[in-house]
Amino acid sequence: MSLLVLSKASTISPLNPIDIMDVNGGHQVVVDHCTHGSLTSWFGWTIQFLLATIAFACLIVKRFCEPQRYRRPWLIWFFDTSKQGFGAIVVHFSNIIVAELVEGRDPCTLYIISFLLDSSIGLLLLWLLIRLTEYLAVRYRYGPLVFGEYGKPEPLA
């Protein structure tokens, strides 16, 4: 976080949203909440790691909340969650790279815009591609492209 003290005559660019607070002495303190490097600072990495740990713990809790008879074996559960986790990691880091490379803009805002576009338009595109793949797998009788069918799982022991 960076602090800049301005006189009352100073102006602030509307392109960079910041909070202005009055302090004693007739000066204003400008607080810029997200600067380049904020997402990749030690605090940023700590928060990201904490959120990833909480998300993974929620998946484990969710697995134990499923009824026993519908619960997938650990190996299949691991394959499903690792695919989702790998995809989330790729998207997350690509969003961070884009947010940090664009100069002159708030990287946190760029990150959230990129995340929202991925979560809306990207999800719609993936859904359409999955439906197309399922259609082609059924039409041309190509079993390996059927989603969710992994065959008989190997024993863990």
N, C-alpha and C. Protein backbone atom coordinates (compact mmCIF):
# COMPACT_ATOMS: atom_id res chain seq x y z
N MET A 1 0.85 -1.16 0.00
CA MET A 1 0.00 0.00 0.00
C MET A 1 0.90 1.23 0.00
N SER A 2 0.59 2.18 -0.86
CA SER A 2 1.40 3.39 -0.92
C SER A 2 0.59 4.58 -0.44
N LEU A 3 1.25 5.50 0.23
CA LEU A 3 0.60 6.71 0.73
C LEU A 3 1.23 7.91 0.06
N LEU A 4 0.40 8.85 -0.31
CA LEU A 4 0.86 10.07 -0.94
C LEU A 4 0.14 11.24 -0.29
N VAL A 5 0.87 12.24 0.17
CA VAL A 5 0.25 13.40 0.80
C VAL A 5 0.16 14.51 -0.24
N LEU A 6 -1.06 15.04 -0.43
CA LEU A 6 -1.30 16.09 -1.41
C LEU A 6 -1.83 17.33 -0.72
N SER A 7 -1.61 18.47 -1.34
CA SER A 7 -2.25 19.69 -0.84
C SER A 7 -3.67 19.74 -1.38
N LYS A 8 -4.50 20.64 -0.86
CA LYS A 8 -5.89 20.72 -1.31
C LYS A 8 -6.00 21.14 -2.77
N ALA A 9 -4.97 21.76 -3.33
CA ALA A 9 -5.02 22.22 -4.71
C ALA A 9 -4.71 21.09 -5.70
N SER A 10 -4.20 19.96 -5.23
CA SER A 10 -3.82 18.87 -6.12
C SER A 10 -5.05 18.19 -6.68
N THR A 11 -4.89 17.59 -7.84
CA THR A 11 -5.99 16.86 -8.46
C THR A 11 -5.61 15.39 -8.58
N ILE A 12 -6.63 14.56 -8.72
CA ILE A 12 -6.44 13.12 -8.82
C ILE A 12 -7.00 12.68 -10.17
N SER A 13 -6.28 11.83 -10.86
CA SER A 13 -6.75 11.33 -12.15
C SER A 13 -7.94 10.40 -11.95
N PRO A 14 -9.01 10.56 -12.75
CA PRO A 14 -10.17 9.67 -12.62
C PRO A 14 -9.89 8.26 -13.12
N LEU A 15 -8.75 8.04 -13.79
CA LEU A 15 -8.44 6.71 -14.30
C LEU A 15 -7.96 5.77 -13.22
N ASN A 16 -7.50 6.29 -12.10
CA ASN A 16 -6.99 5.46 -11.03
C ASN A 16 -7.81 5.71 -9.77
N PRO A 17 -8.79 4.84 -9.47
CA PRO A 17 -9.65 5.08 -8.32
C PRO A 17 -8.90 4.92 -7.01
N ILE A 18 -8.97 5.93 -6.17
CA ILE A 18 -8.30 5.89 -4.87
C ILE A 18 -9.18 6.58 -3.85
N ASP A 19 -8.96 6.30 -2.59
CA ASP A 19 -9.69 6.94 -1.51
C ASP A 19 -8.93 8.16 -1.04
N ILE A 20 -9.66 9.22 -0.72
CA ILE A 20 -9.05 10.45 -0.22
C ILE A 20 -9.59 10.68 1.18
N MET A 21 -8.69 10.85 2.14
CA MET A 21 -9.09 11.08 3.52
C MET A 21 -8.52 12.41 3.98
N ASP A 22 -9.34 13.24 4.65
CA ASP A 22 -8.84 14.49 5.24
C ASP A 22 -8.13 14.19 6.54
N VAL A 23 -7.00 14.82 6.73
CA VAL A 23 -6.25 14.68 7.98
C VAL A 23 -5.96 16.08 8.51
N ASN A 24 -5.47 16.15 9.71
CA ASN A 24 -5.15 17.45 10.32
C ASN A 24 -4.09 18.19 9.50
N GLY A 25 -4.16 19.50 9.50
CA GLY A 25 -3.17 20.30 8.81
C GLY A 25 -3.58 20.70 7.41
N GLY A 26 -4.79 20.38 6.98
CA GLY A 26 -5.27 20.81 5.67
C GLY A 26 -4.74 20.00 4.51
N HIS A 27 -4.15 18.86 4.75
CA HIS A 27 -3.65 18.00 3.69
C HIS A 27 -4.59 16.82 3.50
N GLN A 28 -4.45 16.18 2.37
CA GLN A 28 -5.22 14.98 2.11
C GLN A 28 -4.26 13.81 1.96
N VAL A 29 -4.66 12.66 2.47
CA VAL A 29 -3.87 11.45 2.32
C VAL A 29 -4.56 10.58 1.28
N VAL A 30 -3.82 10.19 0.27
CA VAL A 30 -4.36 9.37 -0.80
C VAL A 30 -3.89 7.93 -0.56
N VAL A 31 -4.84 7.02 -0.47
CA VAL A 31 -4.52 5.62 -0.22
C VAL A 31 -4.84 4.84 -1.48
N ASP A 32 -3.82 4.28 -2.09
CA ASP A 32 -3.99 3.45 -3.28
C ASP A 32 -4.03 2.00 -2.80
N HIS A 33 -5.18 1.35 -2.94
CA HIS A 33 -5.38 0.03 -2.36
C HIS A 33 -4.66 -1.09 -3.09
N CYS A 34 -4.44 -0.93 -4.39
CA CYS A 34 -3.83 -2.02 -5.14
C CYS A 34 -2.90 -1.44 -6.19
N THR A 35 -1.62 -1.67 -6.01
CA THR A 35 -0.62 -1.22 -6.97
C THR A 35 0.03 -2.44 -7.61
N HIS A 36 0.82 -2.19 -8.65
CA HIS A 36 1.51 -3.31 -9.29
C HIS A 36 2.44 -3.97 -8.27
N GLY A 37 2.33 -5.27 -8.19
CA GLY A 37 3.09 -6.03 -7.21
C GLY A 37 2.25 -6.44 -6.00
N SER A 38 1.06 -5.86 -5.83
CA SER A 38 0.23 -6.21 -4.69
C SER A 38 -0.23 -7.67 -4.73
N LEU A 39 -0.54 -8.16 -5.94
CA LEU A 39 -1.00 -9.54 -6.06
C LEU A 39 0.12 -10.54 -5.86
N THR A 40 1.37 -10.10 -6.07
CA THR A 40 2.50 -11.03 -5.97
C THR A 40 3.42 -10.70 -4.80
N SER A 41 2.96 -9.90 -3.87
CA SER A 41 3.75 -9.63 -2.67
C SER A 41 3.62 -10.82 -1.72
N TRP A 42 4.41 -10.83 -0.65
CA TRP A 42 4.34 -11.94 0.30
C TRP A 42 2.94 -12.02 0.91
N PHE A 43 2.31 -10.87 1.16
CA PHE A 43 0.95 -10.87 1.71
C PHE A 43 -0.04 -11.43 0.69
N GLY A 44 0.12 -11.03 -0.58
CA GLY A 44 -0.76 -11.55 -1.63
C GLY A 44 -0.65 -13.05 -1.78
N TRP A 45 0.60 -13.57 -1.80
CA TRP A 45 0.80 -15.01 -1.91
C TRP A 45 0.24 -15.75 -0.69
N THR A 46 0.40 -15.16 0.49
CA THR A 46 -0.13 -15.79 1.71
C THR A 46 -1.65 -15.90 1.65
N ILE A 47 -2.30 -14.83 1.25
CA ILE A 47 -3.77 -14.85 1.14
C ILE A 47 -4.21 -15.86 0.09
N GLN A 48 -3.54 -15.88 -1.05
CA GLN A 48 -3.90 -16.83 -2.11
C GLN A 48 -3.73 -18.27 -1.65
N PHE A 49 -2.63 -18.57 -0.94
CA PHE A 49 -2.41 -19.91 -0.42
C PHE A 49 -3.47 -20.29 0.61
N LEU A 50 -3.82 -19.35 1.47
CA LEU A 50 -4.86 -19.59 2.48
C LEU A 50 -6.21 -19.88 1.82
N LEU A 51 -6.57 -19.11 0.81
CA LEU A 51 -7.83 -19.33 0.11
C LEU A 51 -7.84 -20.67 -0.63
N ALA A 52 -6.71 -21.04 -1.24
CA ALA A 52 -6.63 -22.33 -1.92
C ALA A 52 -6.77 -23.48 -0.93
N THR A 53 -6.17 -23.35 0.24
CA THR A 53 -6.28 -24.38 1.28
C THR A 53 -7.71 -24.52 1.76
N ILE A 54 -8.38 -23.41 1.97
CA ILE A 54 -9.79 -23.44 2.39
C ILE A 54 -10.65 -24.09 1.32
N ALA A 55 -10.41 -23.74 0.04
CA ALA A 55 -11.19 -24.33 -1.05
C ALA A 55 -11.00 -25.84 -1.12
N PHE A 56 -9.75 -26.31 -0.98
CA PHE A 56 -9.49 -27.74 -1.01
C PHE A 56 -10.12 -28.45 0.20
N ALA A 57 -10.04 -27.82 1.36
CA ALA A 57 -10.67 -28.40 2.56
C ALA A 57 -12.19 -28.51 2.38
N CYS A 58 -12.79 -27.53 1.71
CA CYS A 58 -14.23 -27.59 1.44
C CYS A 58 -14.57 -28.78 0.54
N LEU A 59 -13.70 -29.06 -0.44
CA LEU A 59 -13.95 -30.22 -1.30
C LEU A 59 -13.88 -31.53 -0.51
N ILE A 60 -12.96 -31.61 0.43
CA ILE A 60 -12.85 -32.82 1.26
C ILE A 60 -14.09 -32.95 2.15
N VAL A 61 -14.51 -31.85 2.76
CA VAL A 61 -15.72 -31.88 3.60
C VAL A 61 -16.93 -32.26 2.76
N LYS A 62 -17.03 -31.70 1.56
CA LYS A 62 -18.14 -32.03 0.67
C LYS A 62 -18.17 -33.53 0.35
N ARG A 63 -17.00 -34.11 0.14
CA ARG A 63 -16.95 -35.55 -0.15
C ARG A 63 -17.51 -36.36 1.01
N PHE A 64 -17.18 -35.96 2.25
CA PHE A 64 -17.68 -36.70 3.40
C PHE A 64 -19.16 -36.45 3.66
N CYS A 65 -19.70 -35.37 3.11
CA CYS A 65 -21.14 -35.09 3.27
C CYS A 65 -21.99 -35.85 2.26
N GLU A 66 -21.38 -36.41 1.22
CA GLU A 66 -22.11 -37.20 0.24
C GLU A 66 -22.57 -38.51 0.89
N PRO A 67 -23.73 -39.01 0.50
CA PRO A 67 -24.16 -40.32 1.03
C PRO A 67 -23.14 -41.40 0.68
N GLN A 68 -22.94 -42.32 1.60
CA GLN A 68 -21.92 -43.37 1.44
C GLN A 68 -22.08 -44.15 0.14
N ARG A 69 -23.31 -44.45 -0.23
CA ARG A 69 -23.51 -45.29 -1.42
C ARG A 69 -23.22 -44.56 -2.72
N TYR A 70 -23.24 -43.21 -2.71
CA TYR A 70 -22.96 -42.43 -3.92
C TYR A 70 -21.54 -41.86 -3.93
N ARG A 71 -20.82 -42.04 -2.85
CA ARG A 71 -19.48 -41.46 -2.73
C ARG A 71 -18.51 -42.16 -3.68
N ARG A 72 -17.79 -41.38 -4.44
CA ARG A 72 -16.80 -41.94 -5.37
C ARG A 72 -15.59 -42.44 -4.60
N PRO A 73 -14.92 -43.46 -5.12
CA PRO A 73 -13.68 -43.91 -4.48
C PRO A 73 -12.65 -42.77 -4.48
N TRP A 74 -11.70 -42.84 -3.54
CA TRP A 74 -10.71 -41.77 -3.39
C TRP A 74 -9.95 -41.48 -4.68
N LEU A 75 -9.58 -42.52 -5.43
CA LEU A 75 -8.80 -42.31 -6.64
C LEU A 75 -9.59 -41.53 -7.68
N ILE A 76 -10.83 -41.90 -7.89
CA ILE A 76 -11.68 -41.17 -8.84
C ILE A 76 -11.92 -39.76 -8.34
N TRP A 77 -12.18 -39.61 -7.05
CA TRP A 77 -12.36 -38.27 -6.47
C TRP A 77 -11.12 -37.42 -6.69
N PHE A 78 -9.93 -38.02 -6.50
CA PHE A 78 -8.68 -37.30 -6.70
C PHE A 78 -8.52 -36.88 -8.16
N PHE A 79 -8.84 -37.77 -9.10
CA PHE A 79 -8.73 -37.41 -10.51
C PHE A 79 -9.67 -36.25 -10.85
N ASP A 80 -10.90 -36.30 -10.37
CA ASP A 80 -11.86 -35.22 -10.64
C ASP A 80 -11.39 -33.90 -10.05
N THR A 81 -11.00 -33.91 -8.80
CA THR A 81 -10.61 -32.65 -8.15
C THR A 81 -9.27 -32.13 -8.68
N SER A 82 -8.36 -33.03 -9.07
CA SER A 82 -7.08 -32.56 -9.60
C SER A 82 -7.28 -31.89 -10.96
N LYS A 83 -8.21 -32.38 -11.77
CA LYS A 83 -8.51 -31.70 -13.04
C LYS A 83 -9.04 -30.30 -12.78
N GLN A 84 -9.96 -30.19 -11.85
CA GLN A 84 -10.52 -28.88 -11.52
C GLN A 84 -9.46 -27.97 -10.92
N GLY A 85 -8.65 -28.52 -10.03
CA GLY A 85 -7.60 -27.73 -9.40
C GLY A 85 -6.56 -27.25 -10.39
N PHE A 86 -6.15 -28.11 -11.30
CA PHE A 86 -5.16 -27.72 -12.30
C PHE A 86 -5.71 -26.61 -13.20
N GLY A 87 -6.96 -26.76 -13.62
CA GLY A 87 -7.58 -25.73 -14.44
C GLY A 87 -7.69 -24.40 -13.70
N ALA A 88 -8.05 -24.46 -12.42
CA ALA A 88 -8.17 -23.24 -11.62
C ALA A 88 -6.82 -22.56 -11.44
N ILE A 89 -5.76 -23.36 -11.25
CA ILE A 89 -4.42 -22.80 -11.08
C ILE A 89 -3.97 -22.11 -12.37
N VAL A 90 -4.20 -22.73 -13.52
CA VAL A 90 -3.80 -22.13 -14.79
C VAL A 90 -4.53 -20.81 -15.01
N VAL A 91 -5.84 -20.79 -14.79
CA VAL A 91 -6.62 -19.56 -14.98
C VAL A 91 -6.18 -18.50 -13.98
N HIS A 92 -5.98 -18.89 -12.74
CA HIS A 92 -5.59 -17.93 -11.70
C HIS A 92 -4.28 -17.25 -12.04
N PHE A 93 -3.26 -18.04 -12.40
CA PHE A 93 -1.96 -17.44 -12.68
C PHE A 93 -1.97 -16.66 -13.99
N SER A 94 -2.74 -17.09 -14.97
CA SER A 94 -2.82 -16.28 -16.20
C SER A 94 -3.50 -14.95 -15.91
N ASN A 95 -4.50 -14.93 -15.03
CA ASN A 95 -5.14 -13.66 -14.65
C ASN A 95 -4.17 -12.76 -13.89
N ILE A 96 -3.36 -13.34 -13.03
CA ILE A 96 -2.36 -12.53 -12.30
C ILE A 96 -1.34 -11.95 -13.27
N ILE A 97 -0.87 -12.75 -14.22
CA ILE A 97 0.11 -12.27 -15.19
C ILE A 97 -0.47 -11.13 -16.01
N VAL A 98 -1.69 -11.29 -16.50
CA VAL A 98 -2.33 -10.22 -17.28
C VAL A 98 -2.48 -8.96 -16.43
N ALA A 99 -2.93 -9.12 -15.19
CA ALA A 99 -3.15 -7.95 -14.32
C ALA A 99 -1.84 -7.22 -14.03
N GLU A 100 -0.74 -7.95 -13.89
CA GLU A 100 0.53 -7.31 -13.59
C GLU A 100 1.20 -6.71 -14.82
N LEU A 101 0.93 -7.25 -16.01
CA LEU A 101 1.60 -6.76 -17.21
C LEU A 101 0.98 -5.49 -17.77
N VAL A 102 -0.29 -5.25 -17.54
CA VAL A 102 -0.96 -4.06 -18.07
C VAL A 102 -0.57 -2.86 -17.22
N GLU A 103 0.06 -1.89 -17.84
CA GLU A 103 0.53 -0.71 -17.12
C GLU A 103 -0.57 0.35 -17.04
N GLY A 104 -0.53 1.14 -15.96
CA GLY A 104 -1.43 2.28 -15.84
C GLY A 104 -2.80 1.96 -15.29
N ARG A 105 -3.07 0.74 -14.96
CA ARG A 105 -4.38 0.36 -14.43
C ARG A 105 -4.19 -0.36 -13.09
N ASP A 106 -5.26 -0.41 -12.33
CA ASP A 106 -5.29 -1.09 -11.05
C ASP A 106 -5.26 -2.60 -11.30
N PRO A 107 -4.20 -3.33 -10.89
CA PRO A 107 -4.12 -4.76 -11.18
C PRO A 107 -5.22 -5.58 -10.51
N CYS A 108 -5.70 -5.15 -9.35
CA CYS A 108 -6.76 -5.91 -8.68
C CYS A 108 -8.06 -5.83 -9.48
N THR A 109 -8.35 -4.67 -10.04
CA THR A 109 -9.54 -4.51 -10.87
C THR A 109 -9.41 -5.34 -12.14
N LEU A 110 -8.23 -5.30 -12.77
CA LEU A 110 -8.01 -6.12 -13.97
C LEU A 110 -8.16 -7.60 -13.65
N TYR A 111 -7.66 -8.02 -12.49
CA TYR A 111 -7.78 -9.44 -12.11
C TYR A 111 -9.24 -9.84 -11.98
N ILE A 112 -10.04 -9.02 -11.29
CA ILE A 112 -11.44 -9.40 -11.06
C ILE A 112 -12.23 -9.36 -12.36
N ILE A 113 -11.92 -8.42 -13.26
CA ILE A 113 -12.60 -8.38 -14.56
C ILE A 113 -12.26 -9.64 -15.35
N SER A 114 -11.00 -10.01 -15.37
CA SER A 114 -10.58 -11.22 -16.08
C SER A 114 -11.21 -12.46 -15.47
N PHE A 115 -11.28 -12.52 -14.15
CA PHE A 115 -11.91 -13.65 -13.46
C PHE A 115 -13.40 -13.74 -13.80
N LEU A 116 -14.09 -12.61 -13.79
CA LEU A 116 -15.53 -12.62 -14.10
C LEU A 116 -15.80 -13.00 -15.55
N LEU A 117 -14.96 -12.53 -16.47
CA LEU A 117 -15.12 -12.94 -17.87
C LEU A 117 -14.91 -14.44 -18.02
N ASP A 118 -13.90 -14.96 -17.35
CA ASP A 118 -13.64 -16.40 -17.40
C ASP A 118 -14.80 -17.19 -16.79
N SER A 119 -15.35 -16.67 -15.70
CA SER A 119 -16.42 -17.38 -15.00
C SER A 119 -17.75 -17.29 -15.71
N SER A 120 -17.93 -16.36 -16.61
CA SER A 120 -19.20 -16.24 -17.32
C SER A 120 -19.06 -16.71 -18.77
N ILE A 121 -18.36 -15.93 -19.58
CA ILE A 121 -18.22 -16.28 -21.00
C ILE A 121 -17.41 -17.56 -21.16
N GLY A 122 -16.34 -17.69 -20.40
CA GLY A 122 -15.51 -18.90 -20.48
C GLY A 122 -16.28 -20.15 -20.09
N LEU A 123 -17.09 -20.05 -19.05
CA LEU A 123 -17.89 -21.20 -18.62
C LEU A 123 -18.93 -21.57 -19.66
N LEU A 124 -19.56 -20.58 -20.28
CA LEU A 124 -20.53 -20.84 -21.34
C LEU A 124 -19.86 -21.53 -22.52
N LEU A 125 -18.68 -21.04 -22.90
CA LEU A 125 -17.94 -21.65 -24.00
C LEU A 125 -17.56 -23.10 -23.69
N LEU A 126 -17.08 -23.35 -22.47
CA LEU A 126 -16.75 -24.73 -22.08
C LEU A 126 -17.97 -25.64 -22.10
N TRP A 127 -19.09 -25.15 -21.62
CA TRP A 127 -20.32 -25.94 -21.61
C TRP A 127 -20.71 -26.32 -23.04
N LEU A 128 -20.63 -25.34 -23.95
CA LEU A 128 -20.97 -25.62 -25.35
C LEU A 128 -20.01 -26.65 -25.96
N LEU A 129 -18.72 -26.54 -25.66
CA LEU A 129 -17.75 -27.50 -26.19
C LEU A 129 -17.95 -28.90 -25.62
N ILE A 130 -18.31 -28.98 -24.35
CA ILE A 130 -18.58 -30.29 -23.74
C ILE A 130 -19.81 -30.93 -24.38
N ARG A 131 -20.85 -30.15 -24.57
CA ARG A 131 -22.06 -30.68 -25.22
C ARG A 131 -21.76 -31.15 -26.64
N LEU A 132 -20.95 -30.39 -27.37
CA LEU A 132 -20.57 -30.78 -28.72
C LEU A 132 -19.77 -32.09 -28.69
N THR A 133 -18.84 -32.20 -27.76
CA THR A 133 -18.03 -33.42 -27.65
C THR A 133 -18.91 -34.62 -27.30
N GLU A 134 -19.85 -34.44 -26.37
CA GLU A 134 -20.76 -35.53 -26.01
C GLU A 134 -21.60 -35.95 -27.22
N TYR A 135 -22.08 -34.98 -27.96
CA TYR A 135 -22.87 -35.28 -29.15
C TYR A 135 -22.05 -36.08 -30.17
N LEU A 136 -20.82 -35.64 -30.41
CA LEU A 136 -19.97 -36.35 -31.37
C LEU A 136 -19.59 -37.74 -30.88
N ALA A 137 -19.38 -37.90 -29.57
CA ALA A 137 -19.05 -39.22 -29.01
C ALA A 137 -20.20 -40.19 -29.20
N VAL A 138 -21.42 -39.73 -28.99
CA VAL A 138 -22.59 -40.60 -29.17
C VAL A 138 -22.82 -40.88 -30.65
N ARG A 139 -22.74 -39.84 -31.47
CA ARG A 139 -23.02 -39.99 -32.91
C ARG A 139 -22.05 -40.95 -33.58
N TYR A 140 -20.75 -40.83 -33.23
CA TYR A 140 -19.74 -41.68 -33.88
C TYR A 140 -19.32 -42.87 -33.02
N ARG A 141 -20.07 -43.11 -31.93
CA ARG A 141 -19.86 -44.26 -31.04
C ARG A 141 -18.39 -44.37 -30.60
N TYR A 142 -17.90 -43.28 -30.06
CA TYR A 142 -16.52 -43.25 -29.58
C TYR A 142 -16.55 -43.16 -28.05
N GLY A 143 -16.48 -44.31 -27.38
CA GLY A 143 -16.63 -44.43 -25.94
C GLY A 143 -15.63 -43.66 -25.09
N PRO A 144 -14.34 -43.56 -25.49
CA PRO A 144 -13.39 -42.85 -24.62
C PRO A 144 -13.73 -41.36 -24.40
N LEU A 145 -14.61 -40.78 -25.21
CA LEU A 145 -14.96 -39.37 -25.03
C LEU A 145 -16.19 -39.17 -24.15
N VAL A 146 -16.73 -40.23 -23.57
CA VAL A 146 -17.88 -40.10 -22.67
C VAL A 146 -17.36 -39.57 -21.34
N PHE A 147 -17.93 -38.45 -20.89
CA PHE A 147 -17.47 -37.81 -19.66
C PHE A 147 -17.94 -38.56 -18.43
N GLY A 148 -17.09 -38.65 -17.42
CA GLY A 148 -17.44 -39.26 -16.15
C GLY A 148 -17.29 -40.76 -16.09
N GLU A 149 -16.90 -41.40 -17.16
CA GLU A 149 -16.71 -42.85 -17.18
C GLU A 149 -15.22 -43.15 -17.18
N TYR A 150 -14.72 -43.67 -16.06
CA TYR A 150 -13.30 -43.96 -15.94
C TYR A 150 -13.00 -45.46 -15.94
N GLY A 151 -14.02 -46.28 -16.00
CA GLY A 151 -13.80 -47.71 -15.91
C GLY A 151 -13.71 -48.15 -14.45
N LYS A 152 -13.22 -49.34 -14.22
CA LYS A 152 -13.10 -49.86 -12.87
C LYS A 152 -11.87 -49.27 -12.22
N PRO A 153 -12.04 -48.65 -11.03
CA PRO A 153 -10.87 -48.02 -10.39
C PRO A 153 -9.92 -49.09 -9.82
N GLU A 154 -8.65 -48.73 -9.83
CA GLU A 154 -7.62 -49.59 -9.27
C GLU A 154 -7.74 -49.56 -7.74
N PRO A 155 -7.44 -50.68 -7.06
CA PRO A 155 -7.47 -50.65 -5.59
C PRO A 155 -6.34 -49.78 -5.05
N LEU A 156 -6.62 -49.09 -3.94
CA LEU A 156 -5.64 -48.19 -3.35
C LEU A 156 -4.56 -48.93 -2.56
N ALA A 157 -4.87 -50.09 -2.05
CA ALA A 157 -3.92 -50.79 -1.18
C ALA A 157 -2.96 -51.66 -1.93
